[in-house]
């Protein structure tokens, strides 16, 4: 959605309230040029929202992958420690 700024009505409004025609014209042009350029439309917000949702989904997927990888590594380490402990216990039992 594009916003249209009616500079003619704005300058006319200013002139009716005592501002000179030249000043009113300059004010209207400045408002159109500087204020209207900074307005955000619903489409702009929708686009940013979609980008943020994609980025968030990618971050969640990356986090899940990292978490799965870490979980696997911890399980393997626990298995190795358990096997080493059982082996050490068996060796101690055999020595006595």
PDB file of N, CA and C in Angstrom:
ATOM      1  N   UNK A   1       0.850  -1.173   0.000  1.00  0.00           N
ATOM      2  CA  UNK A   1       0.000   0.000   0.000  1.00  0.00           C
ATOM      3  C   UNK A   1       0.896   1.237   0.000  1.00  0.00           C
ATOM      4  N   UNK A   2       0.643   2.106  -0.905  1.00  0.00           N
ATOM      5  CA  UNK A   2       1.446   3.315  -1.027  1.00  0.00           C
ATOM      6  C   UNK A   2       0.652   4.485  -0.468  1.00  0.00           C
ATOM      7  N   UNK A   3       1.325   5.290   0.315  1.00  0.00           N
ATOM      8  CA  UNK A   3       0.685   6.465   0.880  1.00  0.00           C
ATOM      9  C   UNK A   3       0.927   7.660  -0.034  1.00  0.00           C
ATOM     10  N   UNK A   4      -0.121   8.392  -0.261  1.00  0.00           N
ATOM     11  CA  UNK A   4      -0.002   9.621  -1.043  1.00  0.00           C
ATOM     12  C   UNK A   4      -0.158  10.798  -0.092  1.00  0.00           C
ATOM     13  N   UNK A   5       0.719  11.739  -0.224  1.00  0.00           N
ATOM     14  CA  UNK A   5       0.651  12.922   0.625  1.00  0.00           C
ATOM     15  C   UNK A   5       0.214  14.088  -0.243  1.00  0.00           C
ATOM     16  N   UNK A   6      -0.885  14.685   0.120  1.00  0.00           N
ATOM     17  CA  UNK A   6      -1.457  15.789  -0.652  1.00  0.00           C
ATOM     18  C   UNK A   6      -0.791  17.096  -0.228  1.00  0.00           C
ATOM     19  N   UNK A   7       0.253  17.463  -0.957  1.00  0.00           N
ATOM     20  CA  UNK A   7       0.998  18.673  -0.608  1.00  0.00           C
ATOM     21  C   UNK A   7       0.163  19.925  -0.839  1.00  0.00           C
ATOM     22  N   UNK A   8      -0.710  19.885  -1.839  1.00  0.00           N
ATOM     23  CA  UNK A   8      -1.547  21.049  -2.135  1.00  0.00           C
ATOM     24  C   UNK A   8      -2.497  21.345  -0.969  1.00  0.00           C
ATOM     25  N   UNK A   9      -3.164  20.329  -0.469  1.00  0.00           N
ATOM     26  CA  UNK A   9      -4.082  20.537   0.666  1.00  0.00           C
ATOM     27  C   UNK A   9      -3.321  20.971   1.908  1.00  0.00           C
ATOM     28  N   UNK A  10      -2.148  20.403   2.103  1.00  0.00           N
ATOM     29  CA  UNK A  10      -1.349  20.751   3.275  1.00  0.00           C
ATOM     30  C   UNK A  10      -0.922  22.213   3.204  1.00  0.00           C
ATOM     31  N   UNK A  11      -0.430  22.643   2.050  1.00  0.00           N
ATOM     32  CA  UNK A  11       0.008  24.040   1.933  1.00  0.00           C
ATOM     33  C   UNK A  11      -1.196  24.988   2.018  1.00  0.00           C
ATOM     34  N   UNK A  12      -2.333  24.572   1.470  1.00  0.00           N
ATOM     35  CA  UNK A  12      -3.540  25.391   1.574  1.00  0.00           C
ATOM     36  C   UNK A  12      -3.959  25.524   3.041  1.00  0.00           C
ATOM     37  N   UNK A  13      -3.882  24.445   3.790  1.00  0.00           N
ATOM     38  CA  UNK A  13      -4.204  24.458   5.214  1.00  0.00           C
ATOM     39  C   UNK A  13      -3.307  25.451   5.949  1.00  0.00           C
ATOM     40  N   UNK A  14      -2.020  25.414   5.639  1.00  0.00           N
ATOM     41  CA  UNK A  14      -1.086  26.342   6.283  1.00  0.00           C
ATOM     42  C   UNK A  14      -1.382  27.795   5.896  1.00  0.00           C
ATOM     43  N   UNK A  15      -1.671  28.026   4.616  1.00  0.00           N
ATOM     44  CA  UNK A  15      -1.965  29.397   4.162  1.00  0.00           C
ATOM     45  C   UNK A  15      -3.211  29.945   4.833  1.00  0.00           C
ATOM     46  N   UNK A  16      -4.225  29.093   5.019  1.00  0.00           N
ATOM     47  CA  UNK A  16      -5.460  29.534   5.668  1.00  0.00           C
ATOM     48  C   UNK A  16      -5.236  29.918   7.134  1.00  0.00           C
ATOM     49  N   UNK A  17      -4.153  29.451   7.694  1.00  0.00           N
ATOM     50  CA  UNK A  17      -3.855  29.754   9.088  1.00  0.00           C
ATOM     51  C   UNK A  17      -2.746  30.785   9.246  1.00  0.00           C
ATOM     52  N   UNK A  18      -2.467  31.485   8.180  1.00  0.00           N
ATOM     53  CA  UNK A  18      -1.590  32.637   8.280  1.00  0.00           C
ATOM     54  C   UNK A  18      -0.155  32.439   7.827  1.00  0.00           C
ATOM     55  N   UNK A  19       0.194  31.290   7.320  1.00  0.00           N
ATOM     56  CA  UNK A  19       1.557  31.062   6.839  1.00  0.00           C
ATOM     57  C   UNK A  19       1.620  31.556   5.397  1.00  0.00           C
ATOM     58  N   UNK A  20       2.736  32.212   5.042  1.00  0.00           N
ATOM     59  CA  UNK A  20       2.851  32.724   3.678  1.00  0.00           C
ATOM     60  C   UNK A  20       2.870  31.568   2.675  1.00  0.00           C
ATOM     61  N   UNK A  21       2.491  31.895   1.443  1.00  0.00           N
ATOM     62  CA  UNK A  21       2.394  30.863   0.408  1.00  0.00           C
ATOM     63  C   UNK A  21       3.737  30.178   0.179  1.00  0.00           C
ATOM     64  N   UNK A  22       4.791  30.961   0.150  1.00  0.00           N
ATOM     65  CA  UNK A  22       6.126  30.387  -0.073  1.00  0.00           C
ATOM     66  C   UNK A  22       6.523  29.435   1.051  1.00  0.00           C
ATOM     67  N   UNK A  23       6.297  29.874   2.309  1.00  0.00           N
ATOM     68  CA  UNK A  23       6.623  29.011   3.451  1.00  0.00           C
ATOM     69  C   UNK A  23       5.758  27.753   3.459  1.00  0.00           C
ATOM     70  N   UNK A  24       4.490  27.909   3.156  1.00  0.00           N
ATOM     71  CA  UNK A  24       3.580  26.765   3.140  1.00  0.00           C
ATOM     72  C   UNK A  24       4.020  25.749   2.100  1.00  0.00           C
ATOM     73  N   UNK A  25       4.449  26.247   0.946  1.00  0.00           N
ATOM     74  CA  UNK A  25       4.910  25.362  -0.131  1.00  0.00           C
ATOM     75  C   UNK A  25       6.159  24.598   0.295  1.00  0.00           C
ATOM     76  N   UNK A  26       7.076  25.296   0.929  1.00  0.00           N
ATOM     77  CA  UNK A  26       8.327  24.668   1.387  1.00  0.00           C
ATOM     78  C   UNK A  26       8.034  23.638   2.475  1.00  0.00           C
ATOM     79  N   UNK A  27       7.138  23.982   3.397  1.00  0.00           N
ATOM     80  CA  UNK A  27       6.770  23.041   4.460  1.00  0.00           C
ATOM     81  C   UNK A  27       6.148  21.779   3.879  1.00  0.00           C
ATOM     82  N   UNK A  28       5.260  21.934   2.920  1.00  0.00           N
ATOM     83  CA  UNK A  28       4.589  20.792   2.308  1.00  0.00           C
ATOM     84  C   UNK A  28       5.594  19.894   1.602  1.00  0.00           C
ATOM     85  N   UNK A  29       6.514  20.490   0.876  1.00  0.00           N
ATOM     86  CA  UNK A  29       7.534  19.711   0.162  1.00  0.00           C
ATOM     87  C   UNK A  29       8.448  18.988   1.143  1.00  0.00           C
ATOM     88  N   UNK A  30       8.826  19.677   2.214  1.00  0.00           N
ATOM     89  CA  UNK A  30       9.688  19.051   3.228  1.00  0.00           C
ATOM     90  C   UNK A  30       8.958  17.890   3.897  1.00  0.00           C
ATOM     91  N   UNK A  31       7.694  18.059   4.204  1.00  0.00           N
ATOM     92  CA  UNK A  31       6.923  16.980   4.825  1.00  0.00           C
ATOM     93  C   UNK A  31       6.841  15.778   3.888  1.00  0.00           C
ATOM     94  N   UNK A  32       6.598  16.032   2.623  1.00  0.00           N
ATOM     95  CA  UNK A  32       6.512  14.933   1.653  1.00  0.00           C
ATOM     96  C   UNK A  32       7.854  14.238   1.509  1.00  0.00           C
ATOM     97  N   UNK A  33       8.896  14.998   1.461  1.00  0.00           N
ATOM     98  CA  UNK A  33      10.216  14.449   1.187  1.00  0.00           C
ATOM     99  C   UNK A  33      10.816  13.717   2.381  1.00  0.00           C
ATOM    100  N   UNK A  34      10.654  14.256   3.582  1.00  0.00           N
ATOM    101  CA  UNK A  34      11.354  13.696   4.734  1.00  0.00           C
ATOM    102  C   UNK A  34      10.466  12.838   5.640  1.00  0.00           C
ATOM    103  N   UNK A  35       9.239  13.253   5.848  1.00  0.00           N
ATOM    104  CA  UNK A  35       8.370  12.503   6.759  1.00  0.00           C
ATOM    105  C   UNK A  35       7.765  11.294   6.057  1.00  0.00           C
ATOM    106  N   UNK A  36       7.225  11.481   4.889  1.00  0.00           N
ATOM    107  CA  UNK A  36       6.554  10.383   4.198  1.00  0.00           C
ATOM    108  C   UNK A  36       7.531   9.291   3.773  1.00  0.00           C
ATOM    109  N   UNK A  37       8.783   9.630   3.573  1.00  0.00           N
ATOM    110  CA  UNK A  37       9.768   8.623   3.171  1.00  0.00           C
ATOM    111  C   UNK A  37      10.058   7.649   4.306  1.00  0.00           C
ATOM    112  N   UNK A  38       9.777   8.033   5.542  1.00  0.00           N
ATOM    113  CA  UNK A  38      10.086   7.198   6.696  1.00  0.00           C
ATOM    114  C   UNK A  38       8.915   6.341   7.158  1.00  0.00           C
ATOM    115  N   UNK A  39       7.768   6.453   6.520  1.00  0.00           N
ATOM    116  CA  UNK A  39       6.621   5.658   6.932  1.00  0.00           C
ATOM    117  C   UNK A  39       6.810   4.197   6.538  1.00  0.00           C
ATOM    118  N   UNK A  40       6.316   3.321   7.379  1.00  0.00           N
ATOM    119  CA  UNK A  40       6.403   1.882   7.123  1.00  0.00           C
ATOM    120  C   UNK A  40       5.004   1.384   6.788  1.00  0.00           C
ATOM    121  N   UNK A  41       4.908   0.601   5.741  1.00  0.00           N
ATOM    122  CA  UNK A  41       3.616   0.060   5.346  1.00  0.00           C
ATOM    123  C   UNK A  41       3.419  -1.323   5.944  1.00  0.00           C
ATOM    124  N   UNK A  42       2.197  -1.822   5.859  1.00  0.00           N
ATOM    125  CA  UNK A  42       1.913  -3.176   6.340  1.00  0.00           C
ATOM    126  C   UNK A  42       2.731  -4.193   5.551  1.00  0.00           C
ATOM    127  N   UNK A  43       2.907  -3.943   4.280  1.00  0.00           N
ATOM    128  CA  UNK A  43       3.688  -4.853   3.441  1.00  0.00           C
ATOM    129  C   UNK A  43       5.146  -4.895   3.907  1.00  0.00           C
ATOM    130  N   UNK A  44       5.692  -3.751   4.283  1.00  0.00           N
ATOM    131  CA  UNK A  44       7.057  -3.714   4.820  1.00  0.00           C
ATOM    132  C   UNK A  44       7.154  -4.565   6.082  1.00  0.00           C
ATOM    133  N   UNK A  45       6.197  -4.392   6.979  1.00  0.00           N
ATOM    134  CA  UNK A  45       6.191  -5.157   8.223  1.00  0.00           C
ATOM    135  C   UNK A  45       6.005  -6.646   7.964  1.00  0.00           C
ATOM    136  N   UNK A  46       5.153  -6.977   7.027  1.00  0.00           N
ATOM    137  CA  UNK A  46       4.917  -8.382   6.684  1.00  0.00           C
ATOM    138  C   UNK A  46       6.192  -9.016   6.131  1.00  0.00           C
ATOM    139  N   UNK A  47       6.896  -8.292   5.297  1.00  0.00           N
ATOM    140  CA  UNK A  47       8.143  -8.790   4.722  1.00  0.00           C
ATOM    141  C   UNK A  47       9.203  -9.025   5.800  1.00  0.00           C
ATOM    142  N   UNK A  48       9.336  -8.078   6.707  1.00  0.00           N
ATOM    143  CA  UNK A  48      10.308  -8.223   7.804  1.00  0.00           C
ATOM    144  C   UNK A  48       9.908  -9.387   8.703  1.00  0.00           C
ATOM    145  N   UNK A  49       8.620  -9.526   8.951  1.00  0.00           N
ATOM    146  CA  UNK A  49       8.137 -10.628   9.782  1.00  0.00           C
ATOM    147  C   UNK A  49       8.479 -11.970   9.150  1.00  0.00           C
ATOM    148  N   UNK A  50       8.271 -12.103   7.844  1.00  0.00           N
ATOM    149  CA  UNK A  50       8.605 -13.354   7.160  1.00  0.00           C
ATOM    150  C   UNK A  50      10.101 -13.641   7.243  1.00  0.00           C
ATOM    151  N   UNK A  51      10.915 -12.622   7.062  1.00  0.00           N
ATOM    152  CA  UNK A  51      12.366 -12.804   7.163  1.00  0.00           C
ATOM    153  C   UNK A  51      12.771 -13.252   8.562  1.00  0.00           C
ATOM    154  N   UNK A  52      12.178 -12.644   9.571  1.00  0.00           N
ATOM    155  CA  UNK A  52      12.487 -13.018  10.951  1.00  0.00           C
ATOM    156  C   UNK A  52      12.029 -14.432  11.267  1.00  0.00           C
ATOM    157  N   UNK A  53      10.880 -14.822  10.747  1.00  0.00           N
ATOM    158  CA  UNK A  53      10.394 -16.183  10.972  1.00  0.00           C
ATOM    159  C   UNK A  53      11.322 -17.206  10.325  1.00  0.00           C
ATOM    160  N   UNK A  54      11.801 -16.903   9.114  1.00  0.00           N
ATOM    161  CA  UNK A  54      12.753 -17.802   8.449  1.00  0.00           C
ATOM    162  C   UNK A  54      14.046 -17.903   9.252  1.00  0.00           C
ATOM    163  N   UNK A  55      14.551 -16.766   9.705  1.00  0.00           N
ATOM    164  CA  UNK A  55      15.787 -16.763  10.491  1.00  0.00           C
ATOM    165  C   UNK A  55      15.607 -17.533  11.793  1.00  0.00           C
ATOM    166  N   UNK A  56      14.471 -17.363  12.442  1.00  0.00           N
ATOM    167  CA  UNK A  56      14.203 -18.069  13.688  1.00  0.00           C
ATOM    168  C   UNK A  56      14.106 -19.576  13.438  1.00  0.00           C
ATOM    169  N   UNK A  57      13.437 -19.970  12.364  1.00  0.00           N
ATOM    170  CA  UNK A  57      13.319 -21.392  12.042  1.00  0.00           C
ATOM    171  C   UNK A  57      14.689 -21.993  11.759  1.00  0.00           C
ATOM    172  N   UNK A  58      15.533 -21.262  11.040  1.00  0.00           N
ATOM    173  CA  UNK A  58      16.892 -21.737  10.766  1.00  0.00           C
ATOM    174  C   UNK A  58      17.699 -21.865  12.049  1.00  0.00           C
ATOM    175  N   UNK A  59      17.538 -20.915  12.953  1.00  0.00           N
ATOM    176  CA  UNK A  59      18.263 -20.955  14.225  1.00  0.00           C
ATOM    177  C   UNK A  59      17.799 -22.133  15.067  1.00  0.00           C
ATOM    178  N   UNK A  60      16.501 -22.398  15.088  1.00  0.00           N
ATOM    179  CA  UNK A  60      15.970 -23.525  15.857  1.00  0.00           C
ATOM    180  C   UNK A  60      16.480 -24.837  15.277  1.00  0.00           C
ATOM    181  N   UNK A  61      16.477 -24.954  13.956  1.00  0.00           N
ATOM    182  CA  UNK A  61      16.978 -26.165  13.312  1.00  0.00           C
ATOM    183  C   UNK A  61      18.455 -26.365  13.625  1.00  0.00           C
ATOM    184  N   UNK A  62      19.222 -25.303  13.545  1.00  0.00           N
ATOM    185  CA  UNK A  62      20.651 -25.381  13.851  1.00  0.00           C
ATOM    186  C   UNK A  62      20.862 -25.776  15.312  1.00  0.00           C
ATOM    187  N   UNK A  63      20.082 -25.197  16.212  1.00  0.00           N
ATOM    188  CA  UNK A  63      20.186 -25.519  17.635  1.00  0.00           C
ATOM    189  C   UNK A  63      19.843 -26.983  17.882  1.00  0.00           C
ATOM    190  N   UNK A  64      18.765 -27.474  17.253  1.00  0.00           N
ATOM    191  CA  UNK A  64      18.370 -28.873  17.419  1.00  0.00           C
ATOM    192  C   UNK A  64      19.460 -29.813  16.930  1.00  0.00           C
ATOM    193  N   UNK A  65      20.090 -29.487  15.804  1.00  0.00           N
ATOM    194  CA  UNK A  65      21.172 -30.304  15.271  1.00  0.00           C
ATOM    195  C   UNK A  65      22.347 -30.339  16.236  1.00  0.00           C
ATOM    196  N   UNK A  66      22.714 -29.182  16.752  1.00  0.00           N
ATOM    197  CA  UNK A  66      23.824 -29.108  17.705  1.00  0.00           C
ATOM    198  C   UNK A  66      23.497 -29.896  18.977  1.00  0.00           C
ATOM    199  N   UNK A  67      22.262 -29.784  19.465  1.00  0.00           N
ATOM    200  CA  UNK A  67      21.849 -30.483  20.671  1.00  0.00           C
ATOM    201  C   UNK A  67      21.865 -31.998  20.458  1.00  0.00           C
ATOM    202  N   UNK A  68      21.393 -32.453  19.307  1.00  0.00           N
ATOM    203  CA  UNK A  68      21.427 -33.882  18.997  1.00  0.00           C
ATOM    204  C   UNK A  68      22.860 -34.389  18.940  1.00  0.00           C
ATOM    205  N   UNK A  69      23.733 -33.607  18.330  1.00  0.00           N
ATOM    206  CA  UNK A  69      25.144 -33.976  18.225  1.00  0.00           C
ATOM    207  C   UNK A  69      25.774 -34.070  19.615  1.00  0.00           C
ATOM    208  N   UNK A  70      25.493 -33.095  20.455  1.00  0.00           N
ATOM    209  CA  UNK A  70      26.040 -33.100  21.814  1.00  0.00           C
ATOM    210  C   UNK A  70      25.502 -34.280  22.614  1.00  0.00           C
ATOM    211  N   UNK A  71      24.235 -34.575  22.471  1.00  0.00           N
ATOM    212  CA  UNK A  71      23.626 -35.704  23.172  1.00  0.00           C
ATOM    213  C   UNK A  71      24.278 -37.017  22.762  1.00  0.00           C
ATOM    214  N   UNK A  72      24.535 -37.190  21.483  1.00  0.00           N
ATOM    215  CA  UNK A  72      25.194 -38.399  20.990  1.00  0.00           C
ATOM    216  C   UNK A  72      26.608 -38.514  21.550  1.00  0.00           C
ATOM    217  N   UNK A  73      27.330 -37.421  21.548  1.00  0.00           N
ATOM    218  CA  UNK A  73      28.700 -37.434  22.071  1.00  0.00           C
ATOM    219  C   UNK A  73      28.716 -37.785  23.556  1.00  0.00           C
ATOM    220  N   UNK A  74      27.780 -37.229  24.327  1.00  0.00           N
ATOM    221  CA  UNK A  74      27.720 -37.542  25.756  1.00  0.00           C
ATOM    222  C   UNK A  74      27.346 -39.000  26.000  1.00  0.00           C
ATOM    223  N   UNK A  75      26.456 -39.543  25.182  1.00  0.00           N
ATOM    224  CA  UNK A  75      26.079 -40.948  25.320  1.00  0.00           C
ATOM    225  C   UNK A  75      27.268 -41.854  25.041  1.00  0.00           C
ATOM    226  N   UNK A  76      28.031 -41.530  24.009  1.00  0.00           N
ATOM    227  CA  UNK A  76      29.218 -42.330  23.679  1.00  0.00           C
ATOM    228  C   UNK A  76      30.235 -42.237  24.810  1.00  0.00           C
ATOM    229  N   UNK A  77      30.463 -41.074  25.344  1.00  0.00           N
ATOM    230  CA  UNK A  77      31.426 -40.920  26.450  1.00  0.00           C
ATOM    231  C   UNK A  77      30.978 -41.705  27.679  1.00  0.00           C
ATOM    232  N   UNK A  78      29.690 -41.645  27.985  1.00  0.00           N
ATOM    233  CA  UNK A  78      29.177 -42.394  29.125  1.00  0.00           C
ATOM    234  C   UNK A  78      29.361 -43.896  28.903  1.00  0.00           C
ATOM    235  N   UNK A  79      29.120 -44.372  27.709  1.00  0.00           N
ATOM    236  CA  UNK A  79      29.322 -45.790  27.392  1.00  0.00           C
ATOM    237  C   UNK A  79      30.778 -46.205  27.556  1.00  0.00           C
ATOM    238  N   UNK A  80      31.678 -45.360  27.063  1.00  0.00           N
ATOM    239  CA  UNK A  80      33.111 -45.663  27.195  1.00  0.00           C
ATOM    240  C   UNK A  80      33.506 -45.689  28.667  1.00  0.00           C
ATOM    241  N   UNK A  81      33.053 -44.720  29.438  1.00  0.00           N
ATOM    242  CA  UNK A  81      33.366 -44.696  30.871  1.00  0.00           C
ATOM    243  C   UNK A  81      32.791 -45.917  31.586  1.00  0.00           C
ATOM    244  N   UNK A  82      31.587 -46.306  31.246  1.00  0.00           N
ATOM    245  CA  UNK A  82      30.965 -47.476  31.853  1.00  0.00           C
ATOM    246  C   UNK A  82      31.738 -48.739  31.513  1.00  0.00           C
ATOM    247  N   UNK A  83      32.127 -48.883  30.263  1.00  0.00           N
ATOM    248  CA  UNK A  83      32.909 -50.058  29.847  1.00  0.00           C
ATOM    249  C   UNK A  83      34.261 -50.080  30.552  1.00  0.00           C
ATOM    250  N   UNK A  84      34.908 -48.937  30.657  1.00  0.00           N
ATOM    251  CA  UNK A  84      36.211 -48.876  31.345  1.00  0.00           C
ATOM    252  C   UNK A  84      36.045 -49.212  32.822  1.00  0.00           C
ATOM    253  N   UNK A  85      34.989 -48.739  33.448  1.00  0.00           N
ATOM    254  CA  UNK A  85      34.739 -49.040  34.855  1.00  0.00           C
ATOM    255  C   UNK A  85      34.485 -50.517  35.088  1.00  0.00           C
ATOM    256  N   UNK A  86      33.697 -51.120  34.202  1.00  0.00           N
ATOM    257  CA  UNK A  86      33.426 -52.556  34.327  1.00  0.00           C
ATOM    258  C   UNK A  86      34.703 -53.364  34.093  1.00  0.00           C
ATOM    259  N   UNK A  87      35.498 -52.928  33.121  1.00  0.00           N
ATOM    260  CA  UNK A  87      36.777 -53.594  32.863  1.00  0.00           C
ATOM    261  C   UNK A  87      37.712 -53.492  34.058  1.00  0.00           C
ATOM    262  N   UNK A  88      37.780 -52.315  34.663  1.00  0.00           N
ATOM    263  CA  UNK A  88      38.644 -52.131  35.835  1.00  0.00           C
ATOM    264  C   UNK A  88      38.137 -52.963  37.001  1.00  0.00           C
ATOM    265  N   UNK A  89      36.842 -53.015  37.195  1.00  0.00           N
ATOM    266  CA  UNK A  89      36.260 -53.820  38.265  1.00  0.00           C
ATOM    267  C   UNK A  89      36.534 -55.301  38.043  1.00  0.00           C
ATOM    268  N   UNK A  90      36.405 -55.741  36.796  1.00  0.00           N
ATOM    269  CA  UNK A  90      36.700 -57.150  36.486  1.00  0.00           C
ATOM    270  C   UNK A  90      38.155 -57.470  36.762  1.00  0.00           C
ATOM    271  N   UNK A  91      39.053 -56.557  36.425  1.00  0.00           N
ATOM    272  CA  UNK A  91      40.481 -56.769  36.669  1.00  0.00           C
ATOM    273  C   UNK A  91      40.750 -56.850  38.167  1.00  0.00           C
ATOM    274  N   UNK A  92      40.121 -55.996  38.952  1.00  0.00           N
ATOM    275  CA  UNK A  92      40.307 -56.021  40.410  1.00  0.00           C
ATOM    276  C   UNK A  92      39.768 -57.327  41.016  1.00  0.00           C
ATOM    277  N   UNK A  93      38.644 -57.799  40.521  1.00  0.00           N
ATOM    278  CA  UNK A  93      38.063 -59.038  41.021  1.00  0.00           C
ATOM    279  C   UNK A  93      38.975 -60.220  40.691  1.00  0.00           C
ATOM    280  N   UNK A  94      39.564 -60.217  39.491  1.00  0.00           N
ATOM    281  CA  UNK A  94      40.440 -61.294  39.042  1.00  0.00           C
ATOM    282  C   UNK A  94      41.729 -61.308  39.858  1.00  0.00           C
ATOM    283  N   UNK A  95      42.224 -60.144  40.285  1.00  0.00           N
ATOM    284  CA  UNK A  95      43.463 -60.065  41.052  1.00  0.00           C
ATOM    285  C   UNK A  95      43.270 -60.545  42.470  1.00  0.00           C
ATOM    286  N   UNK A  96      42.068 -60.469  43.004  1.00  0.00           N
ATOM    287  CA  UNK A  96      41.869 -60.879  44.399  1.00  0.00           C
ATOM    288  C   UNK A  96      41.471 -62.313  44.535  1.00  0.00           C
TER     289      UNK A  96
END
